[in-house]
Amino acid sequence: MASIKGAVRRVNKMLSKRFFQLTWLSSLTVLLLAILLIIWKLFPEVQDQLGIPLHYNIHSGVDSFGAWWRIFTIPFIGFVILVSNIGISIVLWKKEHMLSYLFSSIMLVSEIILFVAMIFVVLFNLSYYG
Protein backbone atom coordinates (compact mmCIF):
# COMPACT_ATOMS: atom_id res chain seq x y z
CA MET A 1 0.00 0.00 0.00
CA ALA A 2 2.86 2.34 0.79
CA SER A 3 4.41 1.72 -2.63
CA ILE A 4 1.16 2.67 -4.37
CA LYS A 5 0.96 5.88 -2.36
CA GLY A 6 4.59 6.60 -3.21
CA ALA A 7 3.94 6.02 -6.91
CA VAL A 8 0.90 8.31 -6.82
CA ARG A 9 3.00 10.97 -5.09
CA ARG A 10 5.70 10.62 -7.76
CA VAL A 11 3.14 10.93 -10.55
CA ASN A 12 1.62 14.02 -8.94
CA LYS A 13 5.06 15.56 -8.52
CA MET A 14 5.96 14.77 -12.13
CA LEU A 15 2.69 16.16 -13.45
CA SER A 16 3.31 19.39 -11.57
CA LYS A 17 6.16 19.93 -14.05
CA ARG A 18 5.00 21.54 -17.29
CA PHE A 19 7.37 19.37 -19.35
CA PHE A 20 5.69 16.12 -18.37
CA GLN A 21 2.23 17.58 -18.86
CA LEU A 22 3.13 18.61 -22.40
CA THR A 23 5.00 15.47 -23.46
CA TRP A 24 2.50 13.00 -22.04
CA LEU A 25 -0.53 14.85 -23.37
CA SER A 26 1.10 15.47 -26.75
CA SER A 27 2.06 11.80 -27.08
CA LEU A 28 -1.46 10.70 -26.23
CA THR A 29 -2.89 13.22 -28.71
CA VAL A 30 -0.62 12.00 -31.52
CA LEU A 31 -1.59 8.39 -30.79
CA LEU A 32 -5.30 9.23 -30.87
CA LEU A 33 -4.82 11.16 -34.13
CA ALA A 34 -3.21 8.09 -35.71
CA ILE A 35 -6.19 5.95 -34.71
CA LEU A 36 -8.69 8.57 -35.91
CA LEU A 37 -6.82 8.85 -39.22
CA ILE A 38 -7.33 5.14 -39.84
CA ILE A 39 -11.00 5.21 -38.87
CA TRP A 40 -11.80 8.41 -40.76
CA LYS A 41 -9.87 7.95 -44.00
CA LEU A 42 -8.88 4.34 -44.45
CA PHE A 43 -11.53 2.19 -42.80
CA PRO A 44 -14.38 3.08 -45.21
CA GLU A 45 -12.17 2.19 -48.18
CA VAL A 46 -10.69 -1.11 -47.03
CA GLN A 47 -13.21 -2.76 -44.73
CA ASP A 48 -14.54 -4.97 -47.55
CA GLN A 49 -11.11 -5.93 -48.89
CA LEU A 50 -9.60 -9.33 -48.16
CA GLY A 51 -6.07 -7.99 -48.03
CA ILE A 52 -4.59 -4.53 -47.99
CA PRO A 53 -1.01 -3.41 -48.57
CA LEU A 54 0.78 -3.09 -45.25
CA HIS A 55 4.33 -2.40 -46.44
CA TYR A 56 5.83 -0.87 -49.55
CA ASN A 57 9.40 -1.44 -50.65
CA ILE A 58 10.95 0.96 -53.15
CA HIS A 59 12.73 -1.89 -54.97
CA SER A 60 9.92 -4.42 -55.31
CA GLY A 61 6.70 -2.51 -54.60
CA VAL A 62 4.15 -3.92 -52.19
CA ASP A 63 5.79 -6.74 -50.28
CA SER A 64 3.34 -7.29 -47.44
CA PHE A 65 -0.41 -7.76 -47.57
CA GLY A 66 -2.66 -8.47 -44.63
CA ALA A 67 -6.14 -8.18 -43.17
CA TRP A 68 -7.50 -4.64 -42.75
CA TRP A 69 -7.34 -4.82 -38.96
CA ARG A 70 -3.54 -5.31 -39.10
CA ILE A 71 -3.29 -1.63 -40.01
CA PHE A 72 -3.77 -0.97 -36.28
CA THR A 73 -0.36 -2.52 -35.56
CA ILE A 74 1.36 0.87 -35.76
CA PRO A 75 -0.96 2.56 -33.24
CA PHE A 76 -0.67 -0.51 -30.99
CA ILE A 77 3.12 -0.16 -31.03
CA GLY A 78 2.62 3.51 -30.17
CA PHE A 79 0.39 2.55 -27.25
CA VAL A 80 3.00 0.10 -25.93
CA ILE A 81 5.68 2.80 -26.21
CA LEU A 82 3.42 5.30 -24.43
CA VAL A 83 2.57 3.02 -21.50
CA SER A 84 6.07 1.61 -21.06
CA ASN A 85 7.84 4.97 -21.24
CA ILE A 86 5.42 6.59 -18.80
CA GLY A 87 5.92 3.64 -16.45
CA ILE A 88 9.70 3.79 -16.78
CA SER A 89 9.64 7.56 -16.24
CA ILE A 90 7.62 7.17 -13.05
CA VAL A 91 9.95 4.48 -11.71
CA LEU A 92 13.09 6.44 -12.60
CA TRP A 93 11.79 9.72 -11.16
CA LYS A 94 12.64 8.52 -7.66
CA LYS A 95 16.38 8.17 -8.37
CA GLU A 96 17.26 9.86 -11.64
CA HIS A 97 15.18 12.81 -12.81
CA MET A 98 17.15 13.32 -16.02
CA LEU A 99 16.33 9.83 -17.30
CA SER A 100 12.64 10.53 -16.72
CA TYR A 101 12.94 13.60 -18.92
CA LEU A 102 14.82 11.55 -21.52
CA PHE A 103 12.25 8.76 -21.64
CA SER A 104 9.39 11.24 -21.93
CA SER A 105 11.17 13.03 -24.77
CA ILE A 106 11.87 9.77 -26.57
CA MET A 107 8.22 8.82 -26.16
CA LEU A 108 7.02 11.98 -27.90
CA VAL A 109 9.54 11.66 -30.75
CA SER A 110 8.60 7.99 -31.23
CA GLU A 111 4.90 8.80 -31.36
CA ILE A 112 5.52 11.50 -33.98
CA ILE A 113 7.61 9.11 -36.12
CA LEU A 114 4.91 6.44 -35.89
CA PHE A 115 2.26 9.02 -36.82
CA VAL A 116 4.23 10.00 -39.93
CA ALA A 117 4.55 6.31 -40.83
CA MET A 118 0.79 5.94 -40.35
CA ILE A 119 0.17 8.88 -42.69
CA PHE A 120 2.27 7.20 -45.39
CA VAL A 121 0.49 3.86 -44.95
CA VAL A 122 -2.92 5.55 -45.21
CA LEU A 123 -1.91 7.62 -48.25
CA PHE A 124 -0.48 4.57 -49.98
CA ASN A 125 -3.61 2.53 -49.35
CA LEU A 126 -5.86 5.34 -50.56
CA SER A 127 -3.85 5.66 -53.78
CA TYR A 128 -3.79 1.86 -54.17
CA TYR A 129 -7.58 1.56 -54.03
CA GLY A 130 -8.49 5.00 -55.33
C-alpha atoms as a PDB file:
ATOM      1  CA  MET A   1       0.000   0.000   0.000  1.00  0.00           C
ATOM      2  CA  ALA A   2       2.864   2.342   0.791  1.00  0.00           C
ATOM      3  CA  SER A   3       4.414   1.720  -2.632  1.00  0.00           C
ATOM      4  CA  ILE A   4       1.159   2.672  -4.370  1.00  0.00           C
ATOM      5  CA  LYS A   5       0.956   5.883  -2.360  1.00  0.00           C
ATOM      6  CA  GLY A   6       4.593   6.601  -3.214  1.00  0.00           C
ATOM      7  CA  ALA A   7       3.936   6.022  -6.910  1.00  0.00           C
ATOM      8  CA  VAL A   8       0.902   8.309  -6.817  1.00  0.00           C
ATOM      9  CA  ARG A   9       3.000  10.971  -5.091  1.00  0.00           C
ATOM     10  CA  ARG A  10       5.705  10.625  -7.765  1.00  0.00           C
ATOM     11  CA  VAL A  11       3.141  10.932 -10.552  1.00  0.00           C
ATOM     12  CA  ASN A  12       1.619  14.025  -8.939  1.00  0.00           C
ATOM     13  CA  LYS A  13       5.064  15.557  -8.519  1.00  0.00           C
ATOM     14  CA  MET A  14       5.959  14.774 -12.130  1.00  0.00           C
ATOM     15  CA  LEU A  15       2.691  16.165 -13.447  1.00  0.00           C
ATOM     16  CA  SER A  16       3.314  19.395 -11.572  1.00  0.00           C
ATOM     17  CA  LYS A  17       6.161  19.929 -14.050  1.00  0.00           C
ATOM     18  CA  ARG A  18       5.001  21.544 -17.286  1.00  0.00           C
ATOM     19  CA  PHE A  19       7.371  19.368 -19.347  1.00  0.00           C
ATOM     20  CA  PHE A  20       5.685  16.115 -18.366  1.00  0.00           C
ATOM     21  CA  GLN A  21       2.226  17.578 -18.863  1.00  0.00           C
ATOM     22  CA  LEU A  22       3.133  18.610 -22.404  1.00  0.00           C
ATOM     23  CA  THR A  23       4.999  15.472 -23.459  1.00  0.00           C
ATOM     24  CA  TRP A  24       2.502  12.998 -22.042  1.00  0.00           C
ATOM     25  CA  LEU A  25      -0.527  14.855 -23.365  1.00  0.00           C
ATOM     26  CA  SER A  26       1.098  15.470 -26.754  1.00  0.00           C
ATOM     27  CA  SER A  27       2.057  11.799 -27.078  1.00  0.00           C
ATOM     28  CA  LEU A  28      -1.464  10.700 -26.232  1.00  0.00           C
ATOM     29  CA  THR A  29      -2.891  13.218 -28.712  1.00  0.00           C
ATOM     30  CA  VAL A  30      -0.619  12.002 -31.519  1.00  0.00           C
ATOM     31  CA  LEU A  31      -1.590   8.388 -30.785  1.00  0.00           C
ATOM     32  CA  LEU A  32      -5.300   9.232 -30.873  1.00  0.00           C
ATOM     33  CA  LEU A  33      -4.818  11.163 -34.127  1.00  0.00           C
ATOM     34  CA  ALA A  34      -3.214   8.091 -35.706  1.00  0.00           C
ATOM     35  CA  ILE A  35      -6.191   5.948 -34.709  1.00  0.00           C
ATOM     36  CA  LEU A  36      -8.687   8.565 -35.915  1.00  0.00           C
ATOM     37  CA  LEU A  37      -6.824   8.846 -39.221  1.00  0.00           C
ATOM     38  CA  ILE A  38      -7.333   5.143 -39.840  1.00  0.00           C
ATOM     39  CA  ILE A  39     -10.999   5.214 -38.866  1.00  0.00           C
ATOM     40  CA  TRP A  40     -11.803   8.413 -40.759  1.00  0.00           C
ATOM     41  CA  LYS A  41      -9.870   7.946 -43.997  1.00  0.00           C
ATOM     42  CA  LEU A  42      -8.882   4.336 -44.447  1.00  0.00           C
ATOM     43  CA  PHE A  43     -11.530   2.187 -42.802  1.00  0.00           C
ATOM     44  CA  PRO A  44     -14.385   3.085 -45.209  1.00  0.00           C
ATOM     45  CA  GLU A  45     -12.166   2.192 -48.183  1.00  0.00           C
ATOM     46  CA  VAL A  46     -10.691  -1.106 -47.030  1.00  0.00           C
ATOM     47  CA  GLN A  47     -13.212  -2.757 -44.728  1.00  0.00           C
ATOM     48  CA  ASP A  48     -14.543  -4.965 -47.547  1.00  0.00           C
ATOM     49  CA  GLN A  49     -11.108  -5.931 -48.888  1.00  0.00           C
ATOM     50  CA  LEU A  50      -9.602  -9.335 -48.162  1.00  0.00           C
ATOM     51  CA  GLY A  51      -6.071  -7.989 -48.034  1.00  0.00           C
ATOM     52  CA  ILE A  52      -4.594  -4.533 -47.991  1.00  0.00           C
ATOM     53  CA  PRO A  53      -1.006  -3.407 -48.567  1.00  0.00           C
ATOM     54  CA  LEU A  54       0.781  -3.091 -45.250  1.00  0.00           C
ATOM     55  CA  HIS A  55       4.325  -2.404 -46.441  1.00  0.00           C
ATOM     56  CA  TYR A  56       5.833  -0.869 -49.550  1.00  0.00           C
ATOM     57  CA  ASN A  57       9.405  -1.437 -50.650  1.00  0.00           C
ATOM     58  CA  ILE A  58      10.947   0.961 -53.155  1.00  0.00           C
ATOM     59  CA  HIS A  59      12.732  -1.893 -54.969  1.00  0.00           C
ATOM     60  CA  SER A  60       9.915  -4.420 -55.307  1.00  0.00           C
ATOM     61  CA  GLY A  61       6.701  -2.508 -54.602  1.00  0.00           C
ATOM     62  CA  VAL A  62       4.154  -3.917 -52.188  1.00  0.00           C
ATOM     63  CA  ASP A  63       5.792  -6.742 -50.282  1.00  0.00           C
ATOM     64  CA  SER A  64       3.344  -7.294 -47.437  1.00  0.00           C
ATOM     65  CA  PHE A  65      -0.413  -7.761 -47.567  1.00  0.00           C
ATOM     66  CA  GLY A  66      -2.665  -8.471 -44.630  1.00  0.00           C
ATOM     67  CA  ALA A  67      -6.139  -8.175 -43.165  1.00  0.00           C
ATOM     68  CA  TRP A  68      -7.502  -4.637 -42.746  1.00  0.00           C
ATOM     69  CA  TRP A  69      -7.336  -4.819 -38.957  1.00  0.00           C
ATOM     70  CA  ARG A  70      -3.542  -5.305 -39.096  1.00  0.00           C
ATOM     71  CA  ILE A  71      -3.287  -1.629 -40.008  1.00  0.00           C
ATOM     72  CA  PHE A  72      -3.774  -0.967 -36.284  1.00  0.00           C
ATOM     73  CA  THR A  73      -0.358  -2.516 -35.559  1.00  0.00           C
ATOM     74  CA  ILE A  74       1.365   0.870 -35.762  1.00  0.00           C
ATOM     75  CA  PRO A  75      -0.964   2.558 -33.243  1.00  0.00           C
ATOM     76  CA  PHE A  76      -0.670  -0.506 -30.991  1.00  0.00           C
ATOM     77  CA  ILE A  77       3.115  -0.158 -31.031  1.00  0.00           C
ATOM     78  CA  GLY A  78       2.623   3.513 -30.175  1.00  0.00           C
ATOM     79  CA  PHE A  79       0.390   2.552 -27.251  1.00  0.00           C
ATOM     80  CA  VAL A  80       2.996   0.103 -25.933  1.00  0.00           C
ATOM     81  CA  ILE A  81       5.678   2.801 -26.207  1.00  0.00           C
ATOM     82  CA  LEU A  82       3.420   5.301 -24.431  1.00  0.00           C
ATOM     83  CA  VAL A  83       2.566   3.022 -21.503  1.00  0.00           C
ATOM     84  CA  SER A  84       6.070   1.608 -21.064  1.00  0.00           C
ATOM     85  CA  ASN A  85       7.836   4.969 -21.242  1.00  0.00           C
ATOM     86  CA  ILE A  86       5.425   6.588 -18.798  1.00  0.00           C
ATOM     87  CA  GLY A  87       5.916   3.640 -16.446  1.00  0.00           C
ATOM     88  CA  ILE A  88       9.696   3.788 -16.776  1.00  0.00           C
ATOM     89  CA  SER A  89       9.643   7.559 -16.242  1.00  0.00           C
ATOM     90  CA  ILE A  90       7.625   7.166 -13.054  1.00  0.00           C
ATOM     91  CA  VAL A  91       9.950   4.479 -11.708  1.00  0.00           C
ATOM     92  CA  LEU A  92      13.094   6.437 -12.602  1.00  0.00           C
ATOM     93  CA  TRP A  93      11.794   9.720 -11.162  1.00  0.00           C
ATOM     94  CA  LYS A  94      12.643   8.515  -7.657  1.00  0.00           C
ATOM     95  CA  LYS A  95      16.376   8.165  -8.371  1.00  0.00           C
ATOM     96  CA  GLU A  96      17.258   9.861 -11.641  1.00  0.00           C
ATOM     97  CA  HIS A  97      15.179  12.812 -12.810  1.00  0.00           C
ATOM     98  CA  MET A  98      17.151  13.321 -16.022  1.00  0.00           C
ATOM     99  CA  LEU A  99      16.330   9.833 -17.301  1.00  0.00           C
ATOM    100  CA  SER A 100      12.638  10.530 -16.723  1.00  0.00           C
ATOM    101  CA  TYR A 101      12.936  13.596 -18.917  1.00  0.00           C
ATOM    102  CA  LEU A 102      14.825  11.554 -21.522  1.00  0.00           C
ATOM    103  CA  PHE A 103      12.247   8.759 -21.642  1.00  0.00           C
ATOM    104  CA  SER A 104       9.392  11.237 -21.927  1.00  0.00           C
ATOM    105  CA  SER A 105      11.167  13.031 -24.772  1.00  0.00           C
ATOM    106  CA  ILE A 106      11.871   9.766 -26.573  1.00  0.00           C
ATOM    107  CA  MET A 107       8.222   8.818 -26.158  1.00  0.00           C
ATOM    108  CA  LEU A 108       7.024  11.977 -27.900  1.00  0.00           C
ATOM    109  CA  VAL A 109       9.540  11.655 -30.747  1.00  0.00           C
ATOM    110  CA  SER A 110       8.605   7.986 -31.226  1.00  0.00           C
ATOM    111  CA  GLU A 111       4.902   8.805 -31.360  1.00  0.00           C
ATOM    112  CA  ILE A 112       5.522  11.499 -33.983  1.00  0.00           C
ATOM    113  CA  ILE A 113       7.610   9.115 -36.121  1.00  0.00           C
ATOM    114  CA  LEU A 114       4.914   6.438 -35.894  1.00  0.00           C
ATOM    115  CA  PHE A 115       2.260   9.023 -36.822  1.00  0.00           C
ATOM    116  CA  VAL A 116       4.225  10.000 -39.933  1.00  0.00           C
ATOM    117  CA  ALA A 117       4.546   6.309 -40.827  1.00  0.00           C
ATOM    118  CA  MET A 118       0.787   5.936 -40.355  1.00  0.00           C
ATOM    119  CA  ILE A 119       0.165   8.876 -42.691  1.00  0.00           C
ATOM    120  CA  PHE A 120       2.272   7.203 -45.385  1.00  0.00           C
ATOM    121  CA  VAL A 121       0.488   3.864 -44.952  1.00  0.00           C
ATOM    122  CA  VAL A 122      -2.917   5.549 -45.210  1.00  0.00           C
ATOM    123  CA  LEU A 123      -1.908   7.617 -48.252  1.00  0.00           C
ATOM    124  CA  PHE A 124      -0.482   4.570 -49.980  1.00  0.00           C
ATOM    125  CA  ASN A 125      -3.612   2.533 -49.347  1.00  0.00           C
ATOM    126  CA  LEU A 126      -5.862   5.344 -50.559  1.00  0.00           C
ATOM    127  CA  SER A 127      -3.854   5.656 -53.778  1.00  0.00           C
ATOM    128  CA  TYR A 128      -3.794   1.858 -54.173  1.00  0.00           C
ATOM    129  CA  TYR A 129      -7.584   1.561 -54.030  1.00  0.00           C
ATOM    130  CA  GLY A 130      -8.493   5.003 -55.330  1.00  0.00           C
END
